[in-house]
């Protein structure tokens, strides 16, 4: 009975020998390629960058000098102002420009001249015609 079964298997395999070899080779190559890909991914993991030593700290003098440059020295009345900037921004506008109208009233800084605004560290707004 076992010999009969072996003969049937042999009769089935012999005419398909090339096809079976091709399928076995394809599966083996796929498994090997997948395994090598996994190994390369494990080896490519990099260690995180570590900063050794202390970070430099800023002194009160540096912070106060920066604050002086960014804040205008003279407060100008809103009605007499020709230019408007935001405390959170770095550009100045005419009061009627869309950018100035979108600012919250509490964040507005007023300037009487372009020079004053530029001295405070602001630049002209690109979307405001005439600046």
Protein backbone atom coordinates (compact mmCIF):
# COMPACT_ATOMS: atom_id res chain seq x y z
CA UNK A 1 0.00 0.00 0.00
CA UNK A 2 2.79 2.45 0.93
CA UNK A 3 4.72 1.45 -2.18
CA UNK A 4 1.62 2.00 -4.29
CA UNK A 5 1.23 5.49 -2.79
CA UNK A 6 4.93 6.28 -3.41
CA UNK A 7 4.61 5.21 -7.04
CA UNK A 8 1.58 7.47 -7.50
CA UNK A 9 3.44 10.43 -5.93
CA UNK A 10 6.50 9.78 -8.08
CA UNK A 11 4.32 9.58 -11.20
CA UNK A 12 2.73 12.90 -10.30
CA UNK A 13 6.02 14.72 -9.43
CA UNK A 14 8.21 13.58 -12.36
CA UNK A 15 6.33 15.39 -15.15
CA UNK A 16 6.10 18.57 -13.01
CA UNK A 17 9.66 18.53 -11.69
CA UNK A 18 10.68 21.86 -13.28
CA UNK A 19 7.58 23.70 -12.06
CA UNK A 20 7.95 22.39 -8.51
CA UNK A 21 11.64 23.34 -8.43
CA UNK A 22 10.75 26.85 -9.63
CA UNK A 23 8.09 27.31 -6.90
CA UNK A 24 10.41 26.00 -4.16
CA UNK A 25 13.22 28.32 -5.35
CA UNK A 26 10.86 31.30 -5.49
CA UNK A 27 9.58 30.70 -1.96
CA UNK A 28 13.13 30.20 -0.63
CA UNK A 29 14.40 33.41 -2.25
CA UNK A 30 11.40 35.32 -0.87
CA UNK A 31 12.02 34.10 2.67
CA UNK A 32 15.75 34.88 2.47
CA UNK A 33 15.09 38.38 1.05
CA UNK A 34 12.55 39.17 3.74
CA UNK A 35 14.92 37.97 6.48
CA UNK A 36 17.82 40.05 5.13
CA UNK A 37 15.57 43.11 4.95
CA UNK A 38 14.55 42.67 8.57
CA UNK A 39 18.18 42.27 9.65
CA UNK A 40 19.24 45.42 7.81
CA UNK A 41 16.41 47.40 9.41
CA UNK A 42 17.52 46.29 12.86
CA UNK A 43 21.15 47.25 12.14
CA UNK A 44 20.19 50.66 10.70
CA UNK A 45 18.64 51.90 13.92
CA UNK A 46 20.71 54.80 15.09
CA UNK A 47 21.37 55.74 18.67
CA UNK A 48 19.80 59.03 19.73
CA UNK A 49 21.98 62.12 19.93
CA UNK A 50 22.86 63.06 23.47
CA UNK A 51 24.03 66.51 24.47
CA UNK A 52 26.71 66.30 27.11
CA UNK A 53 27.41 69.31 29.24
CA UNK A 54 25.48 72.34 30.42
CA UNK A 55 23.38 74.54 28.20
CA UNK A 56 24.42 78.19 28.21
CA UNK A 57 22.12 80.43 30.19
CA UNK A 58 21.22 83.98 29.35
CA UNK A 59 21.75 86.73 31.86
CA UNK A 60 19.26 89.43 32.73
CA UNK A 61 21.38 91.97 30.84
CA UNK A 62 21.00 90.10 27.55
CA UNK A 63 17.28 89.65 28.03
CA UNK A 64 16.73 93.30 28.91
CA UNK A 65 18.71 94.49 25.87
CA UNK A 66 16.61 92.30 23.60
CA UNK A 67 13.44 93.58 25.22
CA UNK A 68 14.53 97.19 24.69
CA UNK A 69 15.10 96.57 20.98
CA UNK A 70 11.72 94.98 20.38
CA UNK A 71 9.48 97.29 22.38
CA UNK A 72 8.97 100.89 21.30
CA UNK A 73 10.05 103.46 23.85
CA UNK A 74 7.28 105.98 23.33
CA UNK A 75 3.62 105.04 23.38
CA UNK A 76 1.69 106.77 20.62
CA UNK A 77 -2.00 107.49 20.61
CA UNK A 78 -4.02 105.22 18.33
CA UNK A 79 -5.68 108.18 16.57
CA UNK A 80 -2.36 109.85 15.65
CA UNK A 81 -0.56 106.65 14.64
CA UNK A 82 0.45 106.22 11.01
CA UNK A 83 1.73 102.65 11.39
CA UNK A 84 0.55 99.63 13.38
CA UNK A 85 2.48 96.52 14.43
CA UNK A 86 1.66 93.52 16.57
CA UNK A 87 3.40 92.59 19.80
CA UNK A 88 3.55 89.01 18.50
CA UNK A 89 4.61 89.85 14.93
CA UNK A 90 7.54 91.38 13.11
CA UNK A 91 5.81 93.51 10.44
CA UNK A 92 4.09 96.90 10.47
CA UNK A 93 1.02 98.02 8.51
CA UNK A 94 -1.03 101.10 7.77
CA UNK A 95 -4.01 101.16 10.17
CA UNK A 96 -6.43 100.56 7.27
CA UNK A 97 -4.62 97.49 5.88
CA UNK A 98 -6.34 94.10 6.33
CA UNK A 99 -3.48 92.77 8.45
CA UNK A 100 -3.81 95.64 10.92
CA UNK A 101 -7.58 95.26 11.11
CA UNK A 102 -7.27 91.57 12.00
CA UNK A 103 -5.03 92.29 15.01
CA UNK A 104 -6.52 92.21 18.49
CA UNK A 105 -6.61 95.63 20.10
CA UNK A 106 -4.51 94.46 23.03
CA UNK A 107 -1.70 93.28 20.73
CA UNK A 108 -1.38 96.47 18.67
CA UNK A 109 1.69 98.70 18.88
CA UNK A 110 1.52 102.13 17.25
CA UNK A 111 4.33 104.02 15.50
CA UNK A 112 4.46 107.57 14.21
CA UNK A 113 7.00 106.87 11.44
CA UNK A 114 8.53 104.09 9.36
CA UNK A 115 11.90 104.77 10.95
CA UNK A 116 10.49 104.26 14.42
CA UNK A 117 8.90 100.95 13.42
CA UNK A 118 12.08 99.71 11.73
CA UNK A 119 14.18 100.83 14.69
CA UNK A 120 11.94 98.69 16.91
CA UNK A 121 12.77 95.67 14.72
CA UNK A 122 9.72 95.63 12.46
CA UNK A 123 9.70 95.37 8.65
CA UNK A 124 7.03 96.50 6.15
CA UNK A 125 4.12 94.12 5.51
CA UNK A 126 4.14 92.63 2.02
CA UNK A 127 0.35 92.65 1.66
CA UNK A 128 -0.07 96.35 2.52
CA UNK A 129 0.22 98.56 -0.59
CA UNK A 130 2.33 101.70 -0.29
CA UNK A 131 4.75 100.55 2.42
